[in-house]
Amino acid sequence: MPPRFATPEWRTLVFDTGPLWELALFNAVRGPLGFASLEGELQHLREHSSYEALSKFVAHFHGKTTTPHVVAEISARITRATDRKGQPAVWNLVYHEFSSMGMDEGVMKLLEMPQELVARIGAVDVSILELGRSLNSAQPLVLSVDTALIAECKRAGLQALHLWEVIST
């Protein structure tokens, strides 16, 4: 874990799509599947050291959570990036990541989201923001690769980090 995160004040990690997709991709490309065709999809976790830094960072949190909106985005990415025969193997990796992390999912209903905010930043990002707000007593930290979402979280008083801040040491 990077030294600046050695004793995080946060207890719950709220995952946006980007970091979870990168974890699944890294394992699909560098793991036993060896899906070299997905190599170009990797944006942030290109080296094993980056994967290790993220894994150590994630391990320090008591709770890990995301929203079904994020799962739907991952589903769309799997469908787009993977041929039909490889999809079950990639889903197996996603299930394994969720299981090994003890991932929880918080449901954020569209009609309970601020409509103007959904129109501005999208339903997936609002679901992450609202989940973070609802977990305020659990000291949440949002992890994303989306700078607009990170900025919106900070405006709302939530702690948020870009994946680069975790893996670049």
Protein backbone atom coordinates (compact mmCIF):
# COMPACT_ATOMS: atom_id res chain seq x y z
CA MET A 1 0.00 0.00 0.00
CA PRO A 2 1.38 3.43 -0.83
CA PRO A 3 2.73 5.15 2.29
CA ARG A 4 0.25 8.03 2.07
CA PHE A 5 -2.56 5.48 2.45
CA ALA A 6 -0.93 3.39 5.18
CA THR A 7 -3.58 4.25 7.76
CA PRO A 8 -6.72 5.19 5.85
CA GLU A 9 -9.46 6.91 7.79
CA TRP A 10 -11.96 5.25 5.51
CA ARG A 11 -13.68 1.96 6.26
CA THR A 12 -15.74 1.32 3.14
CA LEU A 13 -14.49 1.37 -0.44
CA VAL A 14 -17.09 2.32 -3.05
CA PHE A 15 -16.08 1.04 -6.49
CA ASP A 16 -16.95 2.77 -9.72
CA THR A 17 -16.85 0.75 -12.94
CA GLY A 18 -13.31 1.60 -14.05
CA PRO A 19 -11.30 0.02 -11.23
CA LEU A 20 -13.44 -3.15 -11.19
CA TRP A 21 -13.20 -3.51 -14.96
CA GLU A 22 -9.43 -3.07 -14.77
CA LEU A 23 -9.19 -5.84 -12.14
CA ALA A 24 -11.19 -8.24 -14.29
CA LEU A 25 -9.25 -7.32 -17.43
CA PHE A 26 -5.89 -7.69 -15.75
CA ASN A 27 -6.81 -11.18 -14.60
CA ALA A 28 -8.23 -12.08 -18.01
CA VAL A 29 -5.09 -10.90 -19.82
CA ARG A 30 -2.31 -11.76 -17.35
CA GLY A 31 -3.97 -14.70 -15.58
CA PRO A 32 -4.37 -18.30 -16.69
CA LEU A 33 -6.88 -17.35 -19.41
CA GLY A 34 -4.23 -15.37 -21.28
CA PHE A 35 -6.79 -13.37 -23.28
CA ALA A 36 -4.19 -11.36 -25.20
CA SER A 37 -6.92 -9.89 -27.40
CA LEU A 38 -8.09 -7.84 -24.39
CA GLU A 39 -4.65 -6.32 -23.76
CA GLY A 40 -5.63 -3.11 -25.54
CA GLU A 41 -8.57 -2.61 -23.18
CA LEU A 42 -6.25 -2.22 -20.18
CA GLN A 43 -5.82 1.45 -19.39
CA HIS A 44 -4.38 1.58 -15.88
CA LEU A 45 -3.28 -1.84 -14.63
CA ARG A 46 -0.67 -2.60 -17.25
CA GLU A 47 2.00 -3.87 -14.85
CA HIS A 48 1.83 -6.50 -12.15
CA SER A 49 3.12 -3.92 -9.64
CA SER A 50 0.04 -1.74 -10.31
CA TYR A 51 -2.24 -4.71 -9.77
CA GLU A 52 -0.44 -5.54 -6.52
CA ALA A 53 -0.67 -1.93 -5.30
CA LEU A 54 -4.41 -1.88 -5.96
CA SER A 55 -4.93 -5.28 -4.33
CA LYS A 56 -3.08 -4.20 -1.18
CA PHE A 57 -5.04 -0.95 -1.06
CA VAL A 58 -8.38 -2.76 -1.39
CA ALA A 59 -7.43 -5.27 1.31
CA HIS A 60 -7.22 -2.50 3.91
CA PHE A 61 -10.96 -1.77 3.75
CA HIS A 62 -13.49 -3.54 5.94
CA GLY A 63 -16.28 -3.08 3.41
CA LYS A 64 -16.29 -3.03 -0.38
CA THR A 65 -19.37 -2.05 -2.30
CA THR A 66 -20.71 -0.91 -5.64
CA THR A 67 -24.07 -0.59 -7.34
CA PRO A 68 -26.00 -2.78 -9.79
CA HIS A 69 -25.54 0.10 -12.26
CA VAL A 70 -21.80 -0.61 -12.20
CA VAL A 71 -22.42 -4.33 -12.70
CA ALA A 72 -24.57 -3.47 -15.74
CA GLU A 73 -21.73 -1.37 -17.17
CA ILE A 74 -19.28 -4.24 -16.63
CA SER A 75 -21.75 -6.55 -18.37
CA ALA A 76 -21.90 -4.24 -21.38
CA ARG A 77 -18.09 -4.06 -21.51
CA ILE A 78 -17.77 -7.85 -21.34
CA THR A 79 -20.29 -8.19 -24.17
CA ARG A 80 -18.50 -5.57 -26.29
CA ALA A 81 -14.89 -6.61 -25.64
CA THR A 82 -15.11 -10.39 -25.49
CA ASP A 83 -16.22 -12.94 -28.03
CA ARG A 84 -19.20 -15.05 -27.01
CA LYS A 85 -17.08 -18.14 -26.21
CA GLY A 86 -14.84 -16.19 -23.81
CA GLN A 87 -17.61 -14.41 -21.90
CA PRO A 88 -18.28 -17.20 -19.36
CA ALA A 89 -14.59 -17.22 -18.39
CA VAL A 90 -14.53 -13.44 -17.92
CA TRP A 91 -17.72 -13.58 -15.87
CA ASN A 92 -16.06 -16.27 -13.75
CA LEU A 93 -13.25 -13.79 -13.04
CA VAL A 94 -15.76 -11.06 -12.11
CA TYR A 95 -17.62 -13.42 -9.77
CA HIS A 96 -14.32 -14.48 -8.22
CA GLU A 97 -13.23 -10.84 -7.66
CA PHE A 98 -16.58 -9.93 -6.08
CA SER A 99 -16.53 -13.03 -3.89
CA SER A 100 -12.93 -12.72 -2.77
CA MET A 101 -13.42 -9.05 -1.87
CA GLY A 102 -16.69 -9.68 -0.05
CA MET A 103 -18.32 -7.16 -2.39
CA ASP A 104 -21.71 -5.76 -1.45
CA GLU A 105 -24.12 -3.93 -3.74
CA GLY A 106 -26.23 -0.97 -2.75
CA VAL A 107 -29.38 -0.36 -4.76
CA MET A 108 -29.96 3.23 -5.80
CA LYS A 109 -33.34 3.68 -7.47
CA LEU A 110 -33.52 6.06 -10.42
CA LEU A 111 -36.60 7.84 -9.12
CA GLU A 112 -34.77 8.56 -5.86
CA MET A 113 -31.82 10.15 -7.68
CA PRO A 114 -31.80 13.91 -8.32
CA GLN A 115 -33.01 14.21 -11.91
CA GLU A 116 -30.87 17.25 -12.75
CA LEU A 117 -27.76 15.43 -11.50
CA VAL A 118 -28.61 12.31 -13.54
CA ALA A 119 -29.04 14.52 -16.62
CA ARG A 120 -25.66 16.15 -15.95
CA ILE A 121 -23.40 13.21 -14.97
CA GLY A 122 -25.41 10.06 -15.70
CA ALA A 123 -27.25 7.46 -13.66
CA VAL A 124 -24.22 5.26 -12.99
CA ASP A 125 -22.19 8.11 -11.52
CA VAL A 126 -25.15 9.36 -9.48
CA SER A 127 -25.66 5.83 -8.13
CA ILE A 128 -22.04 5.81 -6.89
CA LEU A 129 -22.38 9.32 -5.43
CA GLU A 130 -25.66 8.51 -3.67
CA LEU A 131 -24.29 5.19 -2.37
CA GLY A 132 -21.33 7.05 -0.91
CA ARG A 133 -23.65 9.60 0.71
CA SER A 134 -25.78 6.84 2.21
CA LEU A 135 -22.67 5.25 3.76
CA ASN A 136 -21.47 8.44 5.44
CA SER A 137 -21.23 6.78 8.88
CA ALA A 138 -19.12 3.99 7.31
CA GLN A 139 -16.48 6.55 6.23
CA PRO A 140 -16.67 5.78 2.48
CA LEU A 141 -14.02 6.40 -0.13
CA VAL A 142 -15.02 6.37 -3.80
CA LEU A 143 -12.48 4.83 -6.18
CA SER A 144 -12.88 5.76 -9.83
CA VAL A 145 -11.11 6.61 -13.06
CA ASP A 146 -13.73 9.25 -13.85
CA THR A 147 -12.42 12.71 -12.97
CA ALA A 148 -15.90 14.29 -13.29
CA LEU A 149 -17.32 11.81 -10.76
CA ILE A 150 -14.38 12.36 -8.41
CA ALA A 151 -14.93 16.13 -8.58
CA GLU A 152 -18.67 15.70 -7.94
CA CYS A 153 -17.96 13.47 -4.93
CA LYS A 154 -15.59 16.05 -3.48
CA ARG A 155 -18.19 18.81 -4.02
CA ALA A 156 -20.64 16.63 -2.08
CA GLY A 157 -18.15 16.23 0.79
CA LEU A 158 -17.17 12.65 -0.05
CA GLN A 159 -13.60 11.40 -0.21
CA ALA A 160 -12.68 10.15 -3.66
CA LEU A 161 -9.50 9.00 -5.36
CA HIS A 162 -8.50 8.33 -8.93
CA LEU A 163 -7.08 4.87 -9.52
CA TRP A 164 -3.77 6.50 -10.57
CA GLU A 165 -3.40 7.94 -7.06
CA VAL A 166 -3.46 4.41 -5.66
CA ILE A 167 -1.23 2.63 -8.16
CA SER A 168 1.40 5.29 -8.83
CA THR A 169 3.94 5.14 -6.04
